[in-house]
Amino acid sequence: MADDRGINHSDFVERFRLKGVEQAEAEGEADTLEHIAKRIFAEIVNQSETSVAKAESLARTHERYDAARIKAIKAHTRASVLKAELEAMRIGFEAWRTRNANRRAETKIQ
């Protein structure tokens, strides 16, 4: 069923579903990369033979940990962008529904 602008409801629902799956997968990837970064941090701290405070400070500046954190941050950013796109789709759908409801109400009044 398409509206007067040619928007097919079932196509929209499928696009919305696919975007939701993509966003969920991106969030899962981001969480996994965050977990990996934490494991790298812990490994670096545990391998250090200094005080815990100094080992943590060194771990925060370690190249492996930094690279892992950057990957996790980029993945979280991607997931956030997809979430925003999904929300924009939802808002667009709600606006479409409102326009159609208003059009039906105007038709009944006339």
C-alpha atoms as a PDB file:
ATOM      1  CA  MET A   1       0.000   0.000   0.000  1.00  0.00           C
ATOM      2  CA  ALA A   2       1.573   3.283  -1.133  1.00  0.00           C
ATOM      3  CA  ASP A   3       0.667   6.820  -0.119  1.00  0.00           C
ATOM      4  CA  ASP A   4       0.244   9.760  -2.519  1.00  0.00           C
ATOM      5  CA  ARG A   5       4.035  10.266  -2.580  1.00  0.00           C
ATOM      6  CA  GLY A   6       4.654   6.680  -3.624  1.00  0.00           C
ATOM      7  CA  ILE A   7       5.936   5.495  -0.242  1.00  0.00           C
ATOM      8  CA  ASN A   8       5.209   1.809   0.138  1.00  0.00           C
ATOM      9  CA  HIS A   9       4.428   0.896   3.749  1.00  0.00           C
ATOM     10  CA  SER A  10       5.771  -2.649   3.587  1.00  0.00           C
ATOM     11  CA  ASP A  11       8.992  -1.474   1.902  1.00  0.00           C
ATOM     12  CA  PHE A  12       9.440   1.139   4.609  1.00  0.00           C
ATOM     13  CA  VAL A  13       8.863  -1.422   7.359  1.00  0.00           C
ATOM     14  CA  GLU A  14      11.483  -3.716   5.815  1.00  0.00           C
ATOM     15  CA  ARG A  15      14.004  -0.858   5.463  1.00  0.00           C
ATOM     16  CA  PHE A  16      13.326   0.085   9.099  1.00  0.00           C
ATOM     17  CA  ARG A  17      13.831  -3.532  10.213  1.00  0.00           C
ATOM     18  CA  LEU A  18      17.088  -3.851   8.268  1.00  0.00           C
ATOM     19  CA  LYS A  19      18.389  -0.564   9.690  1.00  0.00           C
ATOM     20  CA  GLY A  20      17.512  -1.829  13.190  1.00  0.00           C
ATOM     21  CA  VAL A  21      19.413  -5.067  12.589  1.00  0.00           C
ATOM     22  CA  GLU A  22      22.397  -3.106  11.256  1.00  0.00           C
ATOM     23  CA  GLN A  23      22.339  -0.829  14.302  1.00  0.00           C
ATOM     24  CA  ALA A  24      22.110  -3.784  16.716  1.00  0.00           C
ATOM     25  CA  GLU A  25      25.019  -5.538  15.002  1.00  0.00           C
ATOM     26  CA  ALA A  26      27.089  -2.342  15.129  1.00  0.00           C
ATOM     27  CA  GLU A  27      26.334  -1.966  18.834  1.00  0.00           C
ATOM     28  CA  GLY A  28      27.384  -5.573  19.434  1.00  0.00           C
ATOM     29  CA  GLU A  29      30.630  -5.005  17.540  1.00  0.00           C
ATOM     30  CA  ALA A  30      31.310  -1.842  19.542  1.00  0.00           C
ATOM     31  CA  ASP A  31      30.703  -3.671  22.822  1.00  0.00           C
ATOM     32  CA  THR A  32      33.017  -6.493  21.725  1.00  0.00           C
ATOM     33  CA  LEU A  33      35.785  -4.049  20.790  1.00  0.00           C
ATOM     34  CA  GLU A  34      35.333  -2.244  24.118  1.00  0.00           C
ATOM     35  CA  HIS A  35      35.718  -5.573  25.926  1.00  0.00           C
ATOM     36  CA  ILE A  36      38.878  -6.366  23.923  1.00  0.00           C
ATOM     37  CA  ALA A  37      40.342  -2.958  24.831  1.00  0.00           C
ATOM     38  CA  LYS A  38      39.674  -3.651  28.521  1.00  0.00           C
ATOM     39  CA  ARG A  39      41.369  -7.041  28.248  1.00  0.00           C
ATOM     40  CA  ILE A  40      44.405  -5.453  26.589  1.00  0.00           C
ATOM     41  CA  PHE A  41      44.531  -2.842  29.358  1.00  0.00           C
ATOM     42  CA  ALA A  42      44.397  -5.571  32.016  1.00  0.00           C
ATOM     43  CA  GLU A  43      47.120  -7.606  30.267  1.00  0.00           C
ATOM     44  CA  ILE A  44      49.422  -4.590  30.119  1.00  0.00           C
ATOM     45  CA  VAL A  45      48.801  -3.762  33.794  1.00  0.00           C
ATOM     46  CA  ASN A  46      49.350  -7.381  34.864  1.00  0.00           C
ATOM     47  CA  GLN A  47      52.628  -7.629  32.910  1.00  0.00           C
ATOM     48  CA  SER A  48      54.029  -4.547  34.583  1.00  0.00           C
ATOM     49  CA  GLU A  49      56.347  -4.940  37.540  1.00  0.00           C
ATOM     50  CA  THR A  50      55.609  -1.501  39.028  1.00  0.00           C
ATOM     51  CA  SER A  51      52.927  -0.193  41.340  1.00  0.00           C
ATOM     52  CA  VAL A  52      49.326  -0.570  40.189  1.00  0.00           C
ATOM     53  CA  ALA A  53      48.916   3.186  39.741  1.00  0.00           C
ATOM     54  CA  LYS A  54      52.023   3.427  37.577  1.00  0.00           C
ATOM     55  CA  ALA A  55      51.103   0.277  35.630  1.00  0.00           C
ATOM     56  CA  GLU A  56      47.648   1.709  34.877  1.00  0.00           C
ATOM     57  CA  SER A  57      49.185   4.992  33.793  1.00  0.00           C
ATOM     58  CA  LEU A  58      51.580   3.181  31.461  1.00  0.00           C
ATOM     59  CA  ALA A  59      48.774   0.983  30.112  1.00  0.00           C
ATOM     60  CA  ARG A  60      46.648   4.034  29.219  1.00  0.00           C
ATOM     61  CA  THR A  61      49.430   5.300  26.960  1.00  0.00           C
ATOM     62  CA  HIS A  62      50.398   1.916  25.523  1.00  0.00           C
ATOM     63  CA  GLU A  63      50.155   1.657  21.729  1.00  0.00           C
ATOM     64  CA  ARG A  64      48.130  -1.604  21.749  1.00  0.00           C
ATOM     65  CA  TYR A  65      45.587  -0.239  24.193  1.00  0.00           C
ATOM     66  CA  ASP A  66      45.339   3.070  22.353  1.00  0.00           C
ATOM     67  CA  ALA A  67      44.714   1.313  19.028  1.00  0.00           C
ATOM     68  CA  ALA A  68      42.051  -0.911  20.612  1.00  0.00           C
ATOM     69  CA  ARG A  69      40.316   2.091  22.209  1.00  0.00           C
ATOM     70  CA  ILE A  70      40.295   3.969  18.884  1.00  0.00           C
ATOM     71  CA  LYS A  71      38.658   0.959  17.179  1.00  0.00           C
ATOM     72  CA  ALA A  72      36.052   0.765  19.945  1.00  0.00           C
ATOM     73  CA  ILE A  73      35.330   4.500  19.771  1.00  0.00           C
ATOM     74  CA  LYS A  74      34.903   4.358  15.984  1.00  0.00           C
ATOM     75  CA  ALA A  75      32.568   1.376  16.348  1.00  0.00           C
ATOM     76  CA  HIS A  76      30.515   3.188  19.008  1.00  0.00           C
ATOM     77  CA  THR A  77      30.337   6.229  16.730  1.00  0.00           C
ATOM     78  CA  ARG A  78      29.066   4.079  13.850  1.00  0.00           C
ATOM     79  CA  ALA A  79      26.443   2.510  16.132  1.00  0.00           C
ATOM     80  CA  SER A  80      25.345   5.969  17.302  1.00  0.00           C
ATOM     81  CA  VAL A  81      25.015   7.223  13.730  1.00  0.00           C
ATOM     82  CA  LEU A  82      22.901   4.191  12.826  1.00  0.00           C
ATOM     83  CA  LYS A  83      20.760   4.755  15.911  1.00  0.00           C
ATOM     84  CA  ALA A  84      20.210   8.378  14.824  1.00  0.00           C
ATOM     85  CA  GLU A  85      19.283   7.230  11.308  1.00  0.00           C
ATOM     86  CA  LEU A  86      16.839   4.720  12.772  1.00  0.00           C
ATOM     87  CA  GLU A  87      15.278   7.431  14.944  1.00  0.00           C
ATOM     88  CA  ALA A  88      15.002   9.752  11.918  1.00  0.00           C
ATOM     89  CA  MET A  89      13.189   6.982  10.045  1.00  0.00           C
ATOM     90  CA  ARG A  90      10.823   6.507  12.997  1.00  0.00           C
ATOM     91  CA  ILE A  91      10.120  10.243  13.182  1.00  0.00           C
ATOM     92  CA  GLY A  92       9.508  10.348   9.435  1.00  0.00           C
ATOM     93  CA  PHE A  93       7.086   7.461   9.735  1.00  0.00           C
ATOM     94  CA  GLU A  94       5.214   9.155  12.583  1.00  0.00           C
ATOM     95  CA  ALA A  95       4.971  12.359  10.520  1.00  0.00           C
ATOM     96  CA  TRP A  96       3.642  10.318   7.569  1.00  0.00           C
ATOM     97  CA  ARG A  97       1.024   8.679   9.828  1.00  0.00           C
ATOM     98  CA  THR A  98      -0.024  12.073  11.216  1.00  0.00           C
ATOM     99  CA  ARG A  99      -0.393  13.551   7.733  1.00  0.00           C
ATOM    100  CA  ASN A 100      -2.524  10.612   6.655  1.00  0.00           C
ATOM    101  CA  ALA A 101      -4.679  10.819   9.779  1.00  0.00           C
ATOM    102  CA  ASN A 102      -5.175  14.560   9.265  1.00  0.00           C
ATOM    103  CA  ARG A 103      -6.074  13.972   5.616  1.00  0.00           C
ATOM    104  CA  ARG A 104      -8.654  11.348   6.631  1.00  0.00           C
ATOM    105  CA  ALA A 105     -10.089  13.697   9.277  1.00  0.00           C
ATOM    106  CA  GLU A 106     -10.339  16.562   6.755  1.00  0.00           C
ATOM    107  CA  THR A 107     -12.140  14.271   4.317  1.00  0.00           C
ATOM    108  CA  LYS A 108     -14.705  13.325   6.974  1.00  0.00           C
ATOM    109  CA  ILE A 109     -15.330  16.993   7.874  1.00  0.00           C
ATOM    110  CA  GLN A 110     -16.010  18.022   4.290  1.00  0.00           C
END
